Amino acid sequence: MDRAKHQAARRWVSAVNHWGQLGTWAFHACRDPQKVIEEIKGIMNSDGQSLSELKVGAGADTAISSNA
């Protein structure tokens, strides 16, 4: 089931990024809630972007938006 959810999330992120009106989004599944902030910072630093919006969903799936 996680595989299907992750695939759907990646398709959604791709569509949002293609549309281009909501900044740049990425999908990342974090399995350890204690590390979610650390992982988000790592993702943002690797892209050289600043964090502008964070949405954390149920089950520790994370969507990140950057309007950079």
PDB file of N, CA and C in Angstrom:
ATOM      1  N   MET A   1       0.825  -1.199   0.000  1.00  0.00           N
ATOM      2  CA  MET A   1       0.000   0.000   0.000  1.00  0.00           C
ATOM      3  C   MET A   1       0.867   1.260   0.000  1.00  0.00           C
ATOM      4  N   ASP A   2       1.967   1.272   0.777  1.00  0.00           N
ATOM      5  CA  ASP A   2       2.839   2.440   0.798  1.00  0.00           C
ATOM      6  C   ASP A   2       3.386   2.744  -0.588  1.00  0.00           C
ATOM      7  N   ARG A   3       3.703   1.710  -1.330  1.00  0.00           N
ATOM      8  CA  ARG A   3       4.257   1.903  -2.671  1.00  0.00           C
ATOM      9  C   ARG A   3       3.274   2.669  -3.559  1.00  0.00           C
ATOM     10  N   ALA A   4       2.004   2.307  -3.499  1.00  0.00           N
ATOM     11  CA  ALA A   4       0.976   2.987  -4.294  1.00  0.00           C
ATOM     12  C   ALA A   4       0.797   4.432  -3.840  1.00  0.00           C
ATOM     13  N   LYS A   5       0.825   4.650  -2.538  1.00  0.00           N
ATOM     14  CA  LYS A   5       0.697   6.017  -2.003  1.00  0.00           C
ATOM     15  C   LYS A   5       1.887   6.873  -2.418  1.00  0.00           C
ATOM     16  N   HIS A   6       3.074   6.309  -2.352  1.00  0.00           N
ATOM     17  CA  HIS A   6       4.280   7.056  -2.725  1.00  0.00           C
ATOM     18  C   HIS A   6       4.272   7.377  -4.219  1.00  0.00           C
ATOM     19  N   GLN A   7       3.841   6.420  -5.023  1.00  0.00           N
ATOM     20  CA  GLN A   7       3.765   6.654  -6.459  1.00  0.00           C
ATOM     21  C   GLN A   7       2.753   7.758  -6.772  1.00  0.00           C
ATOM     22  N   ALA A   8       1.609   7.733  -6.095  1.00  0.00           N
ATOM     23  CA  ALA A   8       0.595   8.774  -6.299  1.00  0.00           C
ATOM     24  C   ALA A   8       1.121  10.140  -5.845  1.00  0.00           C
ATOM     25  N   ALA A   9       1.833  10.175  -4.729  1.00  0.00           N
ATOM     26  CA  ALA A   9       2.398  11.438  -4.240  1.00  0.00           C
ATOM     27  C   ALA A   9       3.423  11.992  -5.216  1.00  0.00           C
ATOM     28  N   ARG A  10       4.249  11.126  -5.782  1.00  0.00           N
ATOM     29  CA  ARG A  10       5.244  11.577  -6.761  1.00  0.00           C
ATOM     30  C   ARG A  10       4.576  12.127  -8.019  1.00  0.00           C
ATOM     31  N   ARG A  11       3.490  11.488  -8.455  1.00  0.00           N
ATOM     32  CA  ARG A  11       2.751  11.995  -9.621  1.00  0.00           C
ATOM     33  C   ARG A  11       2.153  13.360  -9.309  1.00  0.00           C
ATOM     34  N   TRP A  12       1.592  13.509  -8.107  1.00  0.00           N
ATOM     35  CA  TRP A  12       0.999  14.784  -7.703  1.00  0.00           C
ATOM     36  C   TRP A  12       2.061  15.876  -7.673  1.00  0.00           C
ATOM     37  N   VAL A  13       3.217  15.584  -7.075  1.00  0.00           N
ATOM     38  CA  VAL A  13       4.316  16.554  -7.004  1.00  0.00           C
ATOM     39  C   VAL A  13       4.759  16.944  -8.416  1.00  0.00           C
ATOM     40  N   SER A  14       4.865  15.973  -9.286  1.00  0.00           N
ATOM     41  CA  SER A  14       5.258  16.243 -10.666  1.00  0.00           C
ATOM     42  C   SER A  14       4.253  17.167 -11.345  1.00  0.00           C
ATOM     43  N   ALA A  15       2.979  16.911 -11.131  1.00  0.00           N
ATOM     44  CA  ALA A  15       1.934  17.755 -11.732  1.00  0.00           C
ATOM     45  C   ALA A  15       1.977  19.178 -11.179  1.00  0.00           C
ATOM     46  N   VAL A  16       2.146  19.315  -9.871  1.00  0.00           N
ATOM     47  CA  VAL A  16       2.225  20.641  -9.252  1.00  0.00           C
ATOM     48  C   VAL A  16       3.441  21.399  -9.784  1.00  0.00           C
ATOM     49  N   ASN A  17       4.574  20.735  -9.875  1.00  0.00           N
ATOM     50  CA  ASN A  17       5.783  21.374 -10.384  1.00  0.00           C
ATOM     51  C   ASN A  17       5.627  21.754 -11.853  1.00  0.00           C
ATOM     52  N   HIS A  18       4.973  20.906 -12.628  1.00  0.00           N
ATOM     53  CA  HIS A  18       4.738  21.208 -14.045  1.00  0.00           C
ATOM     54  C   HIS A  18       3.840  22.432 -14.192  1.00  0.00           C
ATOM     55  N   TRP A  19       2.834  22.543 -13.341  1.00  0.00           N
ATOM     56  CA  TRP A  19       1.916  23.684 -13.368  1.00  0.00           C
ATOM     57  C   TRP A  19       2.688  24.968 -13.061  1.00  0.00           C
ATOM     58  N   GLY A  20       3.575  24.916 -12.075  1.00  0.00           N
ATOM     59  CA  GLY A  20       4.481  26.017 -11.803  1.00  0.00           C
ATOM     60  C   GLY A  20       3.945  27.178 -10.996  1.00  0.00           C
ATOM     61  N   GLN A  21       2.736  27.110 -10.512  1.00  0.00           N
ATOM     62  CA  GLN A  21       2.136  28.235  -9.790  1.00  0.00           C
ATOM     63  C   GLN A  21       2.306  28.155  -8.268  1.00  0.00           C
ATOM     64  N   LEU A  22       2.866  27.071  -7.781  1.00  0.00           N
ATOM     65  CA  LEU A  22       2.995  26.876  -6.328  1.00  0.00           C
ATOM     66  C   LEU A  22       4.434  26.639  -5.893  1.00  0.00           C
ATOM     67  N   GLY A  23       5.391  27.138  -6.634  1.00  0.00           N
ATOM     68  CA  GLY A  23       6.784  26.926  -6.280  1.00  0.00           C
ATOM     69  C   GLY A  23       7.229  25.530  -6.684  1.00  0.00           C
ATOM     70  N   THR A  24       8.310  25.063  -6.087  1.00  0.00           N
ATOM     71  CA  THR A  24       8.864  23.746  -6.377  1.00  0.00           C
ATOM     72  C   THR A  24       8.593  22.818  -5.208  1.00  0.00           C
ATOM     73  N   TRP A  25       8.024  21.665  -5.499  1.00  0.00           N
ATOM     74  CA  TRP A  25       7.665  20.697  -4.476  1.00  0.00           C
ATOM     75  C   TRP A  25       8.516  19.450  -4.605  1.00  0.00           C
ATOM     76  N   ALA A  26       8.655  18.728  -3.483  1.00  0.00           N
ATOM     77  CA  ALA A  26       9.356  17.447  -3.459  1.00  0.00           C
ATOM     78  C   ALA A  26       8.618  16.498  -2.529  1.00  0.00           C
ATOM     79  N   PHE A  27       8.712  15.209  -2.803  1.00  0.00           N
ATOM     80  CA  PHE A  27       8.127  14.197  -1.929  1.00  0.00           C
ATOM     81  C   PHE A  27       9.245  13.448  -1.235  1.00  0.00           C
ATOM     82  N   HIS A  28       9.079  13.248   0.054  1.00  0.00           N
ATOM     83  CA  HIS A  28      10.053  12.483   0.821  1.00  0.00           C
ATOM     84  C   HIS A  28       9.307  11.762   1.940  1.00  0.00           C
ATOM     85  N   ALA A  29       9.523  10.467   2.075  1.00  0.00           N
ATOM     86  CA  ALA A  29       8.909   9.695   3.154  1.00  0.00           C
ATOM     87  C   ALA A  29       9.909   9.558   4.286  1.00  0.00           C
ATOM     88  N   CYS A  30       9.555  10.075   5.434  1.00  0.00           N
ATOM     89  CA  CYS A  30      10.404   9.996   6.616  1.00  0.00           C
ATOM     90  C   CYS A  30       9.842   8.917   7.538  1.00  0.00           C
ATOM     91  N   ARG A  31      10.644   7.933   7.848  1.00  0.00           N
ATOM     92  CA  ARG A  31      10.196   6.819   8.687  1.00  0.00           C
ATOM     93  C   ARG A  31      10.427   7.069  10.176  1.00  0.00           C
ATOM     94  N   ASP A  32      11.225   8.061  10.514  1.00  0.00           N
ATOM     95  CA  ASP A  32      11.531   8.358  11.908  1.00  0.00           C
ATOM     96  C   ASP A  32      11.096   9.791  12.229  1.00  0.00           C
ATOM     97  N   PRO A  33       9.958   9.970  12.895  1.00  0.00           N
ATOM     98  CA  PRO A  33       9.453  11.312  13.188  1.00  0.00           C
ATOM     99  C   PRO A  33      10.458  12.196  13.942  1.00  0.00           C
ATOM    100  N   GLN A  34      11.363  11.584  14.689  1.00  0.00           N
ATOM    101  CA  GLN A  34      12.356  12.355  15.425  1.00  0.00           C
ATOM    102  C   GLN A  34      13.356  13.039  14.490  1.00  0.00           C
ATOM    103  N   LYS A  35      13.453  12.552  13.253  1.00  0.00           N
ATOM    104  CA  LYS A  35      14.433  13.081  12.303  1.00  0.00           C
ATOM    105  C   LYS A  35      13.822  13.924  11.195  1.00  0.00           C
ATOM    106  N   VAL A  36      12.520  14.172  11.241  1.00  0.00           N
ATOM    107  CA  VAL A  36      11.856  14.840  10.118  1.00  0.00           C
ATOM    108  C   VAL A  36      12.421  16.245   9.851  1.00  0.00           C
ATOM    109  N   ILE A  37      12.649  17.041  10.864  1.00  0.00           N
ATOM    110  CA  ILE A  37      13.187  18.392  10.660  1.00  0.00           C
ATOM    111  C   ILE A  37      14.598  18.318  10.074  1.00  0.00           C
ATOM    112  N   GLU A  38      15.405  17.429  10.610  1.00  0.00           N
ATOM    113  CA  GLU A  38      16.776  17.238  10.107  1.00  0.00           C
ATOM    114  C   GLU A  38      16.764  16.834   8.625  1.00  0.00           C
ATOM    115  N   GLU A  39      15.853  15.926   8.262  1.00  0.00           N
ATOM    116  CA  GLU A  39      15.770  15.475   6.877  1.00  0.00           C
ATOM    117  C   GLU A  39      15.286  16.595   5.955  1.00  0.00           C
ATOM    118  N   ILE A  40      14.331  17.384   6.410  1.00  0.00           N
ATOM    119  CA  ILE A  40      13.836  18.516   5.613  1.00  0.00           C
ATOM    120  C   ILE A  40      14.954  19.517   5.366  1.00  0.00           C
ATOM    121  N   LYS A  41      15.698  19.835   6.416  1.00  0.00           N
ATOM    122  CA  LYS A  41      16.815  20.768   6.260  1.00  0.00           C
ATOM    123  C   LYS A  41      17.834  20.228   5.272  1.00  0.00           C
ATOM    124  N   GLY A  42      18.111  18.934   5.328  1.00  0.00           N
ATOM    125  CA  GLY A  42      19.053  18.320   4.399  1.00  0.00           C
ATOM    126  C   GLY A  42      18.575  18.402   2.959  1.00  0.00           C
ATOM    127  N   ILE A  43      17.287  18.169   2.745  1.00  0.00           N
ATOM    128  CA  ILE A  43      16.721  18.257   1.399  1.00  0.00           C
ATOM    129  C   ILE A  43      16.823  19.689   0.880  1.00  0.00           C
ATOM    130  N   MET A  44      16.463  20.632   1.718  1.00  0.00           N
ATOM    131  CA  MET A  44      16.481  22.034   1.289  1.00  0.00           C
ATOM    132  C   MET A  44      17.908  22.505   1.048  1.00  0.00           C
ATOM    133  N   ASN A  45      18.846  22.120   1.887  1.00  0.00           N
ATOM    134  CA  ASN A  45      20.243  22.525   1.705  1.00  0.00           C
ATOM    135  C   ASN A  45      20.833  21.930   0.433  1.00  0.00           C
ATOM    136  N   SER A  46      20.453  20.707   0.104  1.00  0.00           N
ATOM    137  CA  SER A  46      21.007  20.070  -1.093  1.00  0.00           C
ATOM    138  C   SER A  46      20.522  20.753  -2.364  1.00  0.00           C
ATOM    139  N   ASP A  47      19.359  21.390  -2.303  1.00  0.00           N
ATOM    140  CA  ASP A  47      18.821  22.107  -3.458  1.00  0.00           C
ATOM    141  C   ASP A  47      19.190  23.583  -3.436  1.00  0.00           C
ATOM    142  N   GLY A  48      19.810  24.054  -2.348  1.00  0.00           N
ATOM    143  CA  GLY A  48      20.163  25.462  -2.228  1.00  0.00           C
ATOM    144  C   GLY A  48      18.954  26.367  -2.119  1.00  0.00           C
ATOM    145  N   GLN A  49      17.862  25.848  -1.579  1.00  0.00           N
ATOM    146  CA  GLN A  49      16.623  26.607  -1.482  1.00  0.00           C
ATOM    147  C   GLN A  49      16.305  26.906  -0.029  1.00  0.00           C
ATOM    148  N   SER A  50      15.478  27.915   0.165  1.00  0.00           N
ATOM    149  CA  SER A  50      15.016  28.228   1.512  1.00  0.00           C
ATOM    150  C   SER A  50      13.628  27.647   1.708  1.00  0.00           C
ATOM    151  N   LEU A  51      13.329  27.271   2.917  1.00  0.00           N
ATOM    152  CA  LEU A  51      12.043  26.667   3.233  1.00  0.00           C
ATOM    153  C   LEU A  51      10.987  27.754   3.354  1.00  0.00           C
ATOM    154  N   SER A  52       9.946  27.679   2.528  1.00  0.00           N
ATOM    155  CA  SER A  52       8.894  28.682   2.592  1.00  0.00           C
ATOM    156  C   SER A  52       7.579  28.114   3.110  1.00  0.00           C
ATOM    157  N   GLU A  53       7.352  26.832   2.913  1.00  0.00           N
ATOM    158  CA  GLU A  53       6.113  26.226   3.376  1.00  0.00           C
ATOM    159  C   GLU A  53       6.347  24.750   3.641  1.00  0.00           C
ATOM    160  N   LEU A  54       5.809  24.260   4.721  1.00  0.00           N
ATOM    161  CA  LEU A  54       5.968  22.855   5.071  1.00  0.00           C
ATOM    162  C   LEU A  54       4.606  22.282   5.406  1.00  0.00           C
ATOM    163  N   LYS A  55       4.281  21.158   4.810  1.00  0.00           N
ATOM    164  CA  LYS A  55       3.051  20.449   5.140  1.00  0.00           C
ATOM    165  C   LYS A  55       3.435  19.038   5.527  1.00  0.00           C
ATOM    166  N   VAL A  56       3.110  18.645   6.734  1.00  0.00           N
ATOM    167  CA  VAL A  56       3.410  17.297   7.202  1.00  0.00           C
ATOM    168  C   VAL A  56       2.086  16.565   7.338  1.00  0.00           C
ATOM    169  N   GLY A  57       1.947  15.478   6.590  1.00  0.00           N
ATOM    170  CA  GLY A  57       0.708  14.729   6.586  1.00  0.00           C
ATOM    171  C   GLY A  57       0.740  13.558   7.543  1.00  0.00           C
ATOM    172  N   ALA A  58      -0.371  12.874   7.630  1.00  0.00           N
ATOM    173  CA  ALA A  58      -0.483  11.700   8.490  1.00  0.00           C
ATOM    174  C   ALA A  58       0.501  10.639   8.040  1.00  0.00           C
ATOM    175  N   GLY A  59       1.034   9.896   8.967  1.00  0.00           N
ATOM    176  CA  GLY A  59       1.945   8.814   8.658  1.00  0.00           C
ATOM    177  C   GLY A  59       3.356   9.271   8.335  1.00  0.00           C
ATOM    178  N   ALA A  60       3.667  10.509   8.657  1.00  0.00           N
ATOM    179  CA  ALA A  60       4.998  11.082   8.500  1.00  0.00           C
ATOM    180  C   ALA A  60       5.420  11.273   7.048  1.00  0.00           C
ATOM    181  N   ASP A  61       4.462  11.245   6.097  1.00  0.00           N
ATOM    182  CA  ASP A  61       4.790  11.633   4.728  1.00  0.00           C
ATOM    183  C   ASP A  61       4.866  13.150   4.698  1.00  0.00           C
ATOM    184  N   THR A  62       5.796  13.684   3.946  1.00  0.00           N
ATOM    185  CA  THR A  62       6.069  15.109   3.975  1.00  0.00           C
ATOM    186  C   THR A  62       6.066  15.698   2.582  1.00  0.00           C
ATOM    187  N   ALA A  63       5.407  16.829   2.437  1.00  0.00           N
ATOM    188  CA  ALA A  63       5.510  17.597   1.201  1.00  0.00           C
ATOM    189  C   ALA A  63       6.171  18.914   1.520  1.00  0.00           C
ATOM    190  N   ILE A  64       7.109  19.304   0.694  1.00  0.00           N
ATOM    191  CA  ILE A  64       7.875  20.525   0.929  1.00  0.00           C
ATOM    192  C   ILE A  64       7.692  21.441  -0.267  1.00  0.00           C
ATOM    193  N   SER A  65       7.412  22.701   0.017  1.00  0.00           N
ATOM    194  CA  SER A  65       7.309  23.674  -1.055  1.00  0.00           C
ATOM    195  C   SER A  65       8.351  24.758  -0.853  1.00  0.00           C
ATOM    196  N   SER A  66       8.956  25.178  -1.942  1.00  0.00           N
ATOM    197  CA  SER A  66       9.874  26.302  -1.905  1.00  0.00           C
ATOM    198  C   SER A  66       9.529  27.226  -3.051  1.00  0.00           C
ATOM    199  N   ASN A  67       9.314  28.478  -2.749  1.00  0.00           N
ATOM    200  CA  ASN A  67       8.998  29.443  -3.789  1.00  0.00           C
ATOM    201  C   ASN A  67      10.244  30.121  -4.322  1.00  0.00           C
ATOM    202  N   ALA A  68      11.395  29.514  -4.126  1.00  0.00           N
ATOM    203  CA  ALA A  68      12.663  30.074  -4.599  1.00  0.00           C
ATOM    204  C   ALA A  68      12.762  29.949  -6.102  1.00  0.00           C
TER     205      ALA A  68
END
